[in-house]
């Protein structure tokens, strides 16, 4: 998994970095070598003012099917990371399932 993590207006501590890595590994490990570049952007939208403003944006490539972008915002950064990682895993699953069904449909048309 080729992973880049960027933080905006948030201190990217080693604990947070390893949490993101573990969470993405859990959500995406079933896709194995189909995973391309994964970019995670973590930000605090309001800075020190507080509020529901911690964002996690993930863009990732599923080779050869294209890329997917997801985002979640929450008051708790870890919750935003969890939700975005889960959403990305579901999106990749649907994308892969559609590709498999499309291939099956084409194969059934070819056979007499």
C-alpha atoms as a PDB file:
ATOM      1  CA  UNK A   1       0.000   0.000   0.000  1.00  0.00           C
ATOM      2  CA  UNK A   2       1.555   3.301  -1.158  1.00  0.00           C
ATOM      3  CA  UNK A   3       0.319   5.772   1.452  1.00  0.00           C
ATOM      4  CA  UNK A   4       0.828   9.534   1.828  1.00  0.00           C
ATOM      5  CA  UNK A   5      -0.546  11.333   4.876  1.00  0.00           C
ATOM      6  CA  UNK A   6      -0.784  15.116   5.023  1.00  0.00           C
ATOM      7  CA  UNK A   7      -1.943  17.248   7.927  1.00  0.00           C
ATOM      8  CA  UNK A   8      -3.262  20.790   7.742  1.00  0.00           C
ATOM      9  CA  UNK A   9      -3.654  22.815  10.953  1.00  0.00           C
ATOM     10  CA  UNK A  10      -3.146  19.624  13.007  1.00  0.00           C
ATOM     11  CA  UNK A  11      -0.036  18.150  14.596  1.00  0.00           C
ATOM     12  CA  UNK A  12       0.538  14.793  12.912  1.00  0.00           C
ATOM     13  CA  UNK A  13       1.847  12.767  15.838  1.00  0.00           C
ATOM     14  CA  UNK A  14       3.224   9.273  15.310  1.00  0.00           C
ATOM     15  CA  UNK A  15       0.223   7.809  17.132  1.00  0.00           C
ATOM     16  CA  UNK A  16      -2.202   9.475  14.728  1.00  0.00           C
ATOM     17  CA  UNK A  17      -0.136   8.424  11.720  1.00  0.00           C
ATOM     18  CA  UNK A  18      -0.048   4.779  12.827  1.00  0.00           C
ATOM     19  CA  UNK A  19      -3.791   4.899  13.583  1.00  0.00           C
ATOM     20  CA  UNK A  20      -4.513   6.012  10.002  1.00  0.00           C
ATOM     21  CA  UNK A  21      -2.245   3.264   8.629  1.00  0.00           C
ATOM     22  CA  UNK A  22      -3.900   0.559  10.770  1.00  0.00           C
ATOM     23  CA  UNK A  23      -7.403   1.743   9.904  1.00  0.00           C
ATOM     24  CA  UNK A  24      -6.733   1.796   6.166  1.00  0.00           C
ATOM     25  CA  UNK A  25      -5.003  -1.576   6.308  1.00  0.00           C
ATOM     26  CA  UNK A  26      -8.060  -3.019   8.043  1.00  0.00           C
ATOM     27  CA  UNK A  27     -10.488  -1.530   5.491  1.00  0.00           C
ATOM     28  CA  UNK A  28      -8.458  -2.134   2.332  1.00  0.00           C
ATOM     29  CA  UNK A  29      -6.268  -5.204   2.873  1.00  0.00           C
ATOM     30  CA  UNK A  30      -8.671  -7.440   0.923  1.00  0.00           C
ATOM     31  CA  UNK A  31      -7.880  -5.515  -2.270  1.00  0.00           C
ATOM     32  CA  UNK A  32      -4.180  -6.431  -2.061  1.00  0.00           C
ATOM     33  CA  UNK A  33      -2.085  -5.483  -5.069  1.00  0.00           C
ATOM     34  CA  UNK A  34      -4.995  -3.680  -6.744  1.00  0.00           C
ATOM     35  CA  UNK A  35      -4.347  -0.677  -4.504  1.00  0.00           C
ATOM     36  CA  UNK A  36      -2.454   2.236  -6.028  1.00  0.00           C
ATOM     37  CA  UNK A  37      -1.538   5.522  -4.396  1.00  0.00           C
ATOM     38  CA  UNK A  38      -3.579   6.436  -1.323  1.00  0.00           C
ATOM     39  CA  UNK A  39      -3.497  10.054  -0.138  1.00  0.00           C
ATOM     40  CA  UNK A  40      -4.972  11.010   3.239  1.00  0.00           C
ATOM     41  CA  UNK A  41      -5.511  14.653   4.164  1.00  0.00           C
ATOM     42  CA  UNK A  42      -6.359  15.427   7.749  1.00  0.00           C
ATOM     43  CA  UNK A  43      -7.333  18.961   8.673  1.00  0.00           C
ATOM     44  CA  UNK A  44      -8.873  21.121  11.345  1.00  0.00           C
ATOM     45  CA  UNK A  45     -11.194  23.401   9.376  1.00  0.00           C
ATOM     46  CA  UNK A  46     -11.811  25.995  12.119  1.00  0.00           C
ATOM     47  CA  UNK A  47      -8.410  25.874  13.782  1.00  0.00           C
ATOM     48  CA  UNK A  48      -8.430  26.618  17.519  1.00  0.00           C
ATOM     49  CA  UNK A  49     -12.055  27.839  17.526  1.00  0.00           C
ATOM     50  CA  UNK A  50     -13.355  24.286  18.001  1.00  0.00           C
ATOM     51  CA  UNK A  51     -16.588  22.759  16.754  1.00  0.00           C
ATOM     52  CA  UNK A  52     -17.465  20.001  14.313  1.00  0.00           C
ATOM     53  CA  UNK A  53     -14.565  20.673  12.070  1.00  0.00           C
ATOM     54  CA  UNK A  54     -12.085  17.804  11.886  1.00  0.00           C
ATOM     55  CA  UNK A  55     -11.962  16.503   8.317  1.00  0.00           C
ATOM     56  CA  UNK A  56     -10.468  13.378   6.803  1.00  0.00           C
ATOM     57  CA  UNK A  57     -10.249  13.250   3.005  1.00  0.00           C
ATOM     58  CA  UNK A  58      -8.979  10.116   1.307  1.00  0.00           C
ATOM     59  CA  UNK A  59      -8.312   9.670  -2.376  1.00  0.00           C
ATOM     60  CA  UNK A  60      -7.189   6.261  -3.552  1.00  0.00           C
ATOM     61  CA  UNK A  61      -6.626   4.317  -6.751  1.00  0.00           C
ATOM     62  CA  UNK A  62      -8.023   0.865  -7.415  1.00  0.00           C
ATOM     63  CA  UNK A  63      -6.013  -0.483 -10.331  1.00  0.00           C
ATOM     64  CA  UNK A  64      -7.266  -0.762 -13.103  1.00  0.00           C
ATOM     65  CA  UNK A  65     -10.712   0.584 -12.175  1.00  0.00           C
ATOM     66  CA  UNK A  66      -9.923   4.212 -11.371  1.00  0.00           C
ATOM     67  CA  UNK A  67      -9.882   6.321  -8.256  1.00  0.00           C
ATOM     68  CA  UNK A  68     -12.294   7.063  -5.435  1.00  0.00           C
ATOM     69  CA  UNK A  69     -12.466  10.079  -3.118  1.00  0.00           C
ATOM     70  CA  UNK A  70     -14.251  10.121   0.216  1.00  0.00           C
ATOM     71  CA  UNK A  71     -14.533  12.677   2.993  1.00  0.00           C
ATOM     72  CA  UNK A  72     -15.921  12.781   6.492  1.00  0.00           C
ATOM     73  CA  UNK A  73     -16.158  15.619   9.007  1.00  0.00           C
ATOM     74  CA  UNK A  74     -16.694  15.193  12.735  1.00  0.00           C
ATOM     75  CA  UNK A  75     -15.815  16.837  16.039  1.00  0.00           C
ATOM     76  CA  UNK A  76     -13.605  13.811  16.820  1.00  0.00           C
ATOM     77  CA  UNK A  77     -10.770  13.279  14.338  1.00  0.00           C
ATOM     78  CA  UNK A  78     -10.593   9.531  14.984  1.00  0.00           C
ATOM     79  CA  UNK A  79     -14.306   9.154  14.169  1.00  0.00           C
ATOM     80  CA  UNK A  80     -13.823  11.069  10.914  1.00  0.00           C
ATOM     81  CA  UNK A  81     -10.904   8.767   9.999  1.00  0.00           C
ATOM     82  CA  UNK A  82     -12.941   5.650  10.841  1.00  0.00           C
ATOM     83  CA  UNK A  83     -15.930   6.706   8.764  1.00  0.00           C
ATOM     84  CA  UNK A  84     -13.852   7.775   5.767  1.00  0.00           C
ATOM     85  CA  UNK A  85     -11.872   4.506   5.786  1.00  0.00           C
ATOM     86  CA  UNK A  86     -15.069   2.435   6.018  1.00  0.00           C
ATOM     87  CA  UNK A  87     -16.687   4.419   3.211  1.00  0.00           C
ATOM     88  CA  UNK A  88     -13.601   3.929   1.022  1.00  0.00           C
ATOM     89  CA  UNK A  89     -13.627   0.160   1.612  1.00  0.00           C
ATOM     90  CA  UNK A  90     -17.322  -0.053   0.688  1.00  0.00           C
ATOM     91  CA  UNK A  91     -16.804   2.077  -2.419  1.00  0.00           C
ATOM     92  CA  UNK A  92     -13.930  -0.103  -3.607  1.00  0.00           C
ATOM     93  CA  UNK A  93     -16.001  -3.216  -2.936  1.00  0.00           C
ATOM     94  CA  UNK A  94     -18.883  -1.901  -5.041  1.00  0.00           C
ATOM     95  CA  UNK A  95     -16.537  -0.821  -7.823  1.00  0.00           C
ATOM     96  CA  UNK A  96     -14.885  -4.244  -7.943  1.00  0.00           C
ATOM     97  CA  UNK A  97     -18.241  -6.040  -7.761  1.00  0.00           C
ATOM     98  CA  UNK A  98     -19.599  -4.011 -10.701  1.00  0.00           C
ATOM     99  CA  UNK A  99     -16.503  -4.808 -12.757  1.00  0.00           C
ATOM    100  CA  UNK A 100     -16.867  -8.533 -12.052  1.00  0.00           C
ATOM    101  CA  UNK A 101     -20.586  -8.506 -12.893  1.00  0.00           C
ATOM    102  CA  UNK A 102     -19.901  -6.577 -16.086  1.00  0.00           C
ATOM    103  CA  UNK A 103     -17.289  -9.133 -17.116  1.00  0.00           C
ATOM    104  CA  UNK A 104     -19.700 -12.006 -16.401  1.00  0.00           C
ATOM    105  CA  UNK A 105     -22.365 -10.291 -18.496  1.00  0.00           C
ATOM    106  CA  UNK A 106     -20.022  -9.955 -21.459  1.00  0.00           C
ATOM    107  CA  UNK A 107     -18.912 -13.591 -21.156  1.00  0.00           C
ATOM    108  CA  UNK A 108     -22.478 -14.904 -21.104  1.00  0.00           C
ATOM    109  CA  UNK A 109     -23.278 -12.977 -24.281  1.00  0.00           C
ATOM    110  CA  UNK A 110     -20.337 -14.591 -26.097  1.00  0.00           C
ATOM    111  CA  UNK A 111     -21.238 -18.188 -25.319  1.00  0.00           C
ATOM    112  CA  UNK A 112     -23.881 -19.756 -27.621  1.00  0.00           C
END
